[in-house]
Amino acid sequence: MVCALGSAVCFGTASVLQAVAARAAAGPGSGAGVDPALLLRAVRQWRYMAGLALDGCGFVLQIIALRSLPIYAVGAALAASLAVTAVVAARLLHVRLSRTEWAAVGVVCTGLAVLGLASGGEGDRTGSAALRWWMLGIALGVLLIGAAAGRLPEKPRALVLGLGAGCGFGVVEVAVRLIDDISPSALVANPATYALLLGGGAAFLLLTSALQRGSVTTATAGMVIGETIGPALVGVVWLGDRTREGLGWLAVTGFAVAVAGALALTRFGEAPADTPGPAVPGAR
């Protein structure tokens, strides 16, 4: 759980830097959907590269956590990156948090504490070959979602981009558990390896576009839902994730409370329009 929370700290802090770079990289005439050129422009900025470095650290911590904890516990901890972003914004960017938002930060922490007490170890199932191919198919679907998002009106476009990014990050969470042999030959032959790479890359692409255009608050809410609920169900149903004996209800309560608190902080996905300094993001 310490690694999961450390991952949330890395992702939440990286969001501040990445949102600044994404919005600064938006050029005249940028499209409404996913713009690969936007990502290329963003990586030329030091803030985006620093954010990627933090994301790399967070990803390593996430992998370690997924090797010891159920997916639902790690997913809830990653959703808590919104609380990290809110606290970082309050201290570094002098963004004022209301009493309700400070309460939401406390709710997230309480939910994670309850979840940590109730969660058991990771499931003992390795997952079927069909599940590995399904993850690869979903990762490809995330790319198609991004391509189709440009044809939608602004509000549903932001939600679709957010859900797509969340599904991509969710694929990464599940794929880590489906890779049980890290020898080169096994990695090449495992569809989960390609699902991890494609899902993660597609999620970053969709998230970069969401941070730059449309209602990022809406996109962030979609992302939190996409990266928590689906992967948690996969972990419980197909990978054998369980709670401590007799504490299933407590784990469900902690998960719901942590995610609800994170959703209450999604306004940190929206940068103030009149702020010339760094924008305040809401997700990785």
Protein backbone atom coordinates (compact mmCIF):
# COMPACT_ATOMS: atom_id res chain seq x y z
CA MET A 1 0.00 0.00 0.00
CA VAL A 2 2.94 2.32 0.65
CA CYS A 3 4.04 1.78 -2.97
CA ALA A 4 0.49 2.37 -4.23
CA LEU A 5 0.26 5.64 -2.32
CA GLY A 6 3.74 6.64 -3.50
CA SER A 7 2.58 6.01 -7.04
CA ALA A 8 -0.42 8.30 -6.46
CA VAL A 9 1.89 11.04 -5.19
CA CYS A 10 4.06 10.75 -8.32
CA PHE A 11 1.08 10.74 -10.69
CA GLY A 12 -0.71 13.57 -8.90
CA THR A 13 2.34 15.82 -8.94
CA ALA A 14 3.16 14.94 -12.56
CA SER A 15 -0.32 16.09 -13.56
CA VAL A 16 0.48 19.68 -12.68
CA LEU A 17 3.48 19.70 -14.99
CA GLN A 18 1.80 17.82 -17.82
CA ALA A 19 -1.31 19.98 -17.93
CA VAL A 20 0.83 23.11 -18.16
CA ALA A 21 2.78 21.63 -21.07
CA ALA A 22 -0.32 20.29 -22.83
CA ARG A 23 -2.08 23.65 -22.80
CA ALA A 24 1.05 25.57 -23.76
CA ALA A 25 1.62 23.15 -26.66
CA ALA A 26 -1.83 23.69 -28.13
CA GLY A 27 -1.28 25.46 -31.41
CA PRO A 28 -3.74 27.40 -33.57
CA GLY A 29 -6.11 25.18 -35.46
CA SER A 30 -5.64 22.16 -33.21
CA GLY A 31 -8.26 19.51 -33.87
CA ALA A 32 -11.02 18.61 -31.49
CA GLY A 33 -10.10 14.94 -31.16
CA VAL A 34 -6.86 13.23 -30.34
CA ASP A 35 -3.93 15.11 -31.86
CA PRO A 36 -0.65 13.11 -32.04
CA ALA A 37 1.21 16.30 -33.02
CA LEU A 38 0.11 17.81 -29.70
CA LEU A 39 2.01 15.09 -27.86
CA LEU A 40 5.10 15.73 -29.98
CA ARG A 41 4.96 19.44 -29.17
CA ALA A 42 4.40 18.76 -25.47
CA VAL A 43 7.44 16.51 -25.07
CA ARG A 44 9.68 19.40 -26.15
CA GLN A 45 8.85 21.19 -22.92
CA TRP A 46 10.76 20.47 -19.71
CA ARG A 47 7.62 20.40 -17.60
CA TYR A 48 6.14 17.60 -19.64
CA MET A 49 9.41 15.63 -19.55
CA ALA A 50 9.66 16.13 -15.78
CA GLY A 51 6.09 14.90 -15.51
CA LEU A 52 6.97 11.83 -17.57
CA ALA A 53 9.91 11.12 -15.25
CA LEU A 54 7.56 11.22 -12.27
CA ASP A 55 5.12 9.02 -14.19
CA GLY A 56 7.95 6.53 -14.73
CA CYS A 57 8.65 6.42 -10.99
CA GLY A 58 4.94 6.09 -10.30
CA PHE A 59 4.63 3.25 -12.80
CA VAL A 60 7.43 1.28 -11.13
CA LEU A 61 5.75 1.73 -7.75
CA GLN A 62 2.43 0.73 -9.30
CA ILE A 63 3.90 -2.51 -10.62
CA ILE A 64 5.34 -3.35 -7.20
CA ALA A 65 1.98 -2.66 -5.57
CA LEU A 66 0.09 -4.78 -8.11
CA ARG A 67 2.36 -7.71 -7.28
CA SER A 68 1.21 -7.63 -3.65
CA LEU A 69 -2.25 -6.03 -3.53
CA PRO A 70 -5.58 -6.68 -5.26
CA ILE A 71 -6.26 -4.50 -8.30
CA TYR A 72 -9.17 -2.79 -6.56
CA ALA A 73 -6.89 -1.51 -3.78
CA VAL A 74 -4.27 -0.20 -6.19
CA GLY A 75 -6.93 1.38 -8.42
CA ALA A 76 -8.48 3.26 -5.49
CA ALA A 77 -5.05 4.47 -4.42
CA LEU A 78 -4.34 5.74 -7.94
CA ALA A 79 -7.66 7.60 -7.96
CA ALA A 80 -6.35 9.36 -4.86
CA SER A 81 -3.84 11.15 -7.10
CA LEU A 82 -6.61 13.76 -7.46
CA ALA A 83 -6.32 14.47 -3.74
CA VAL A 84 -2.55 14.79 -4.17
CA THR A 85 -3.07 17.21 -7.03
CA ALA A 86 -5.46 19.29 -4.93
CA VAL A 87 -2.99 19.53 -2.04
CA VAL A 88 -0.06 20.34 -4.38
CA ALA A 89 -2.17 23.02 -6.07
CA ALA A 90 -3.08 24.53 -2.72
CA ARG A 91 0.53 24.74 -1.55
CA LEU A 92 2.51 25.44 -4.73
CA LEU A 93 0.02 27.23 -6.98
CA HIS A 94 -1.84 29.03 -4.20
CA VAL A 95 -5.18 27.59 -5.30
CA ARG A 96 -7.79 28.01 -2.58
CA LEU A 97 -9.55 24.86 -1.49
CA SER A 98 -12.99 25.20 -0.01
CA ARG A 99 -13.96 23.44 3.20
CA THR A 100 -15.89 20.93 1.12
CA GLU A 101 -12.80 20.13 -0.94
CA TRP A 102 -10.60 19.73 2.14
CA ALA A 103 -13.30 17.42 3.46
CA ALA A 104 -13.14 15.47 0.18
CA VAL A 105 -9.38 15.05 0.64
CA GLY A 106 -10.09 13.67 4.11
CA VAL A 107 -12.76 11.36 2.68
CA VAL A 108 -10.28 9.95 0.16
CA CYS A 109 -7.73 9.29 2.90
CA THR A 110 -10.36 7.68 5.13
CA GLY A 111 -11.60 5.46 2.31
CA LEU A 112 -8.06 4.32 1.52
CA ALA A 113 -7.37 3.58 5.17
CA VAL A 114 -10.53 1.46 5.43
CA LEU A 115 -9.71 -0.29 2.17
CA GLY A 116 -6.19 -1.02 3.33
CA LEU A 117 -7.52 -2.67 6.49
CA ALA A 118 -10.01 -4.83 4.59
CA SER A 119 -8.03 -5.85 1.50
CA GLY A 120 -6.29 -9.19 1.30
CA GLY A 121 -3.37 -10.25 -0.85
CA GLU A 122 -3.39 -10.38 -4.63
CA GLY A 123 -5.35 -13.19 -6.28
CA ASP A 124 -3.63 -16.47 -7.06
CA ARG A 125 -5.03 -16.90 -10.57
CA THR A 126 -2.79 -16.18 -13.55
CA GLY A 127 -5.59 -15.38 -16.00
CA SER A 128 -6.58 -17.23 -19.15
CA ALA A 129 -5.16 -16.79 -22.62
CA ALA A 130 -8.53 -15.38 -23.67
CA LEU A 131 -8.27 -12.65 -21.03
CA ARG A 132 -4.85 -11.64 -22.37
CA TRP A 133 -6.25 -11.28 -25.88
CA TRP A 134 -9.24 -9.37 -24.53
CA MET A 135 -6.91 -6.85 -22.90
CA LEU A 136 -5.10 -6.36 -26.22
CA GLY A 137 -8.43 -5.88 -27.96
CA ILE A 138 -9.55 -3.31 -25.39
CA ALA A 139 -6.25 -1.44 -25.82
CA LEU A 140 -6.91 -1.24 -29.57
CA GLY A 141 -10.44 -0.08 -28.80
CA VAL A 142 -9.05 2.79 -26.73
CA LEU A 143 -7.27 4.09 -29.83
CA LEU A 144 -10.50 3.86 -31.83
CA ILE A 145 -12.33 5.76 -29.08
CA GLY A 146 -9.80 8.58 -29.39
CA ALA A 147 -10.15 8.68 -33.15
CA ALA A 148 -13.94 8.89 -32.91
CA ALA A 149 -13.97 11.47 -30.11
CA GLY A 150 -13.21 14.37 -32.48
CA ARG A 151 -16.60 13.99 -34.12
CA LEU A 152 -18.52 14.45 -30.88
CA PRO A 153 -19.79 17.70 -29.29
CA GLU A 154 -17.59 19.21 -26.60
CA LYS A 155 -19.22 17.79 -23.46
CA PRO A 156 -19.55 14.15 -24.55
CA ARG A 157 -16.13 14.42 -26.22
CA ALA A 158 -14.47 15.25 -22.90
CA LEU A 159 -16.24 12.36 -21.18
CA VAL A 160 -15.31 9.92 -23.95
CA LEU A 161 -11.66 10.99 -23.89
CA GLY A 162 -11.59 10.60 -20.12
CA LEU A 163 -13.24 7.19 -20.15
CA GLY A 164 -10.91 6.09 -22.93
CA ALA A 165 -7.84 7.20 -20.98
CA GLY A 166 -9.16 5.48 -17.86
CA CYS A 167 -9.76 2.24 -19.77
CA GLY A 168 -6.22 2.44 -21.14
CA PHE A 169 -4.75 2.84 -17.67
CA GLY A 170 -7.02 0.03 -16.49
CA VAL A 171 -5.62 -2.24 -19.19
CA VAL A 172 -2.15 -1.49 -17.82
CA GLU A 173 -3.24 -2.47 -14.29
CA VAL A 174 -4.66 -5.81 -15.45
CA ALA A 175 -1.83 -6.53 -17.93
CA VAL A 176 0.78 -6.24 -15.16
CA ARG A 177 -0.95 -9.12 -13.38
CA LEU A 178 -1.12 -11.17 -16.57
CA ILE A 179 2.65 -11.06 -17.13
CA ASP A 180 4.02 -13.82 -14.91
CA ASP A 181 7.20 -14.60 -16.86
CA ILE A 182 9.53 -11.71 -17.71
CA SER A 183 12.01 -13.64 -19.81
CA PRO A 184 12.42 -12.06 -23.28
CA SER A 185 10.88 -14.99 -25.16
CA ALA A 186 7.85 -15.12 -22.83
CA LEU A 187 7.29 -11.37 -23.03
CA VAL A 188 7.32 -11.44 -26.84
CA ALA A 189 4.81 -14.30 -26.91
CA ASN A 190 2.45 -12.82 -24.32
CA PRO A 191 -0.41 -10.64 -25.70
CA ALA A 192 -0.56 -8.88 -22.33
CA THR A 193 2.84 -7.30 -23.05
CA TYR A 194 1.47 -5.57 -26.13
CA ALA A 195 -1.74 -4.69 -24.29
CA LEU A 196 0.31 -2.96 -21.59
CA LEU A 197 2.37 -0.94 -24.08
CA LEU A 198 -0.52 -0.06 -26.37
CA GLY A 199 -2.97 0.65 -23.54
CA GLY A 200 -0.53 2.88 -21.70
CA GLY A 201 0.50 4.79 -24.82
CA ALA A 202 -3.09 5.28 -25.96
CA ALA A 203 -4.14 6.43 -22.49
CA PHE A 204 -1.39 9.06 -22.39
CA LEU A 205 -2.38 10.28 -25.84
CA LEU A 206 -6.05 10.61 -24.92
CA LEU A 207 -5.24 12.21 -21.58
CA THR A 208 -2.92 14.79 -23.17
CA SER A 209 -5.72 15.76 -25.56
CA ALA A 210 -8.23 15.92 -22.69
CA LEU A 211 -5.97 18.20 -20.66
CA GLN A 212 -5.70 20.60 -23.58
CA ARG A 213 -9.26 20.88 -24.89
CA GLY A 214 -12.81 20.52 -23.69
CA SER A 215 -13.96 20.15 -20.10
CA VAL A 216 -11.05 18.44 -18.39
CA THR A 217 -13.12 18.23 -15.20
CA THR A 218 -15.58 15.97 -17.01
CA ALA A 219 -12.73 14.02 -18.60
CA THR A 220 -11.07 13.48 -15.24
CA ALA A 221 -14.27 12.10 -13.73
CA GLY A 222 -14.56 9.70 -16.66
CA MET A 223 -10.94 8.64 -16.25
CA VAL A 224 -11.33 7.89 -12.54
CA ILE A 225 -14.36 5.71 -13.27
CA GLY A 226 -12.63 3.96 -16.19
CA GLU A 227 -9.44 3.09 -14.32
CA THR A 228 -11.07 1.85 -11.09
CA ILE A 229 -14.35 0.00 -11.58
CA GLY A 230 -13.54 -2.18 -14.61
CA PRO A 231 -10.09 -3.36 -13.47
CA ALA A 232 -11.43 -4.03 -9.96
CA LEU A 233 -14.13 -6.32 -11.38
CA VAL A 234 -11.59 -8.15 -13.55
CA GLY A 235 -9.37 -8.70 -10.52
CA VAL A 236 -12.20 -10.11 -8.42
CA VAL A 237 -13.94 -12.21 -11.09
CA TRP A 238 -11.03 -13.51 -13.18
CA LEU A 239 -7.87 -13.15 -11.10
CA GLY A 240 -9.11 -14.21 -7.67
CA ASP A 241 -8.65 -10.96 -5.74
CA ARG A 242 -10.28 -11.24 -2.32
CA THR A 243 -10.65 -9.33 0.93
CA ARG A 244 -9.83 -10.36 4.47
CA GLU A 245 -12.23 -12.97 5.83
CA GLY A 246 -15.60 -11.39 6.60
CA LEU A 247 -14.51 -7.87 5.56
CA GLY A 248 -15.80 -7.80 2.01
CA TRP A 249 -18.45 -5.22 2.89
CA LEU A 250 -15.80 -3.01 4.46
CA ALA A 251 -13.59 -3.19 1.36
CA VAL A 252 -16.52 -2.25 -0.88
CA THR A 253 -17.34 0.67 1.42
CA GLY A 254 -13.73 1.90 1.48
CA PHE A 255 -13.44 1.60 -2.30
CA ALA A 256 -16.68 3.51 -2.90
CA VAL A 257 -15.77 6.23 -0.38
CA ALA A 258 -12.27 6.74 -1.84
CA VAL A 259 -13.54 6.95 -5.43
CA ALA A 260 -16.43 9.25 -4.45
CA GLY A 261 -14.00 11.57 -2.69
CA ALA A 262 -11.76 11.60 -5.75
CA LEU A 263 -14.70 12.45 -8.00
CA ALA A 264 -15.53 15.37 -5.71
CA LEU A 265 -12.10 16.82 -6.53
CA THR A 266 -12.35 16.62 -10.31
CA ARG A 267 -12.57 20.39 -10.70
CA PHE A 268 -8.77 20.28 -10.37
CA GLY A 269 -8.80 18.98 -13.92
CA GLU A 270 -9.74 22.49 -15.06
CA ALA A 271 -7.13 25.22 -15.19
CA PRO A 272 -8.31 28.71 -14.26
CA ALA A 273 -8.69 30.66 -17.48
CA ASP A 274 -7.14 33.81 -16.06
CA THR A 275 -4.12 32.13 -14.47
CA PRO A 276 -0.94 32.83 -16.46
CA GLY A 277 1.10 30.37 -14.44
CA PRO A 278 0.89 26.59 -14.26
CA ALA A 279 -2.48 25.03 -14.85
CA VAL A 280 -4.07 22.76 -12.31
CA PRO A 281 -4.70 19.30 -13.71
CA GLY A 282 -6.77 16.48 -12.39
CA ALA A 283 -5.04 13.29 -13.48
CA ARG A 284 -1.83 11.69 -14.61
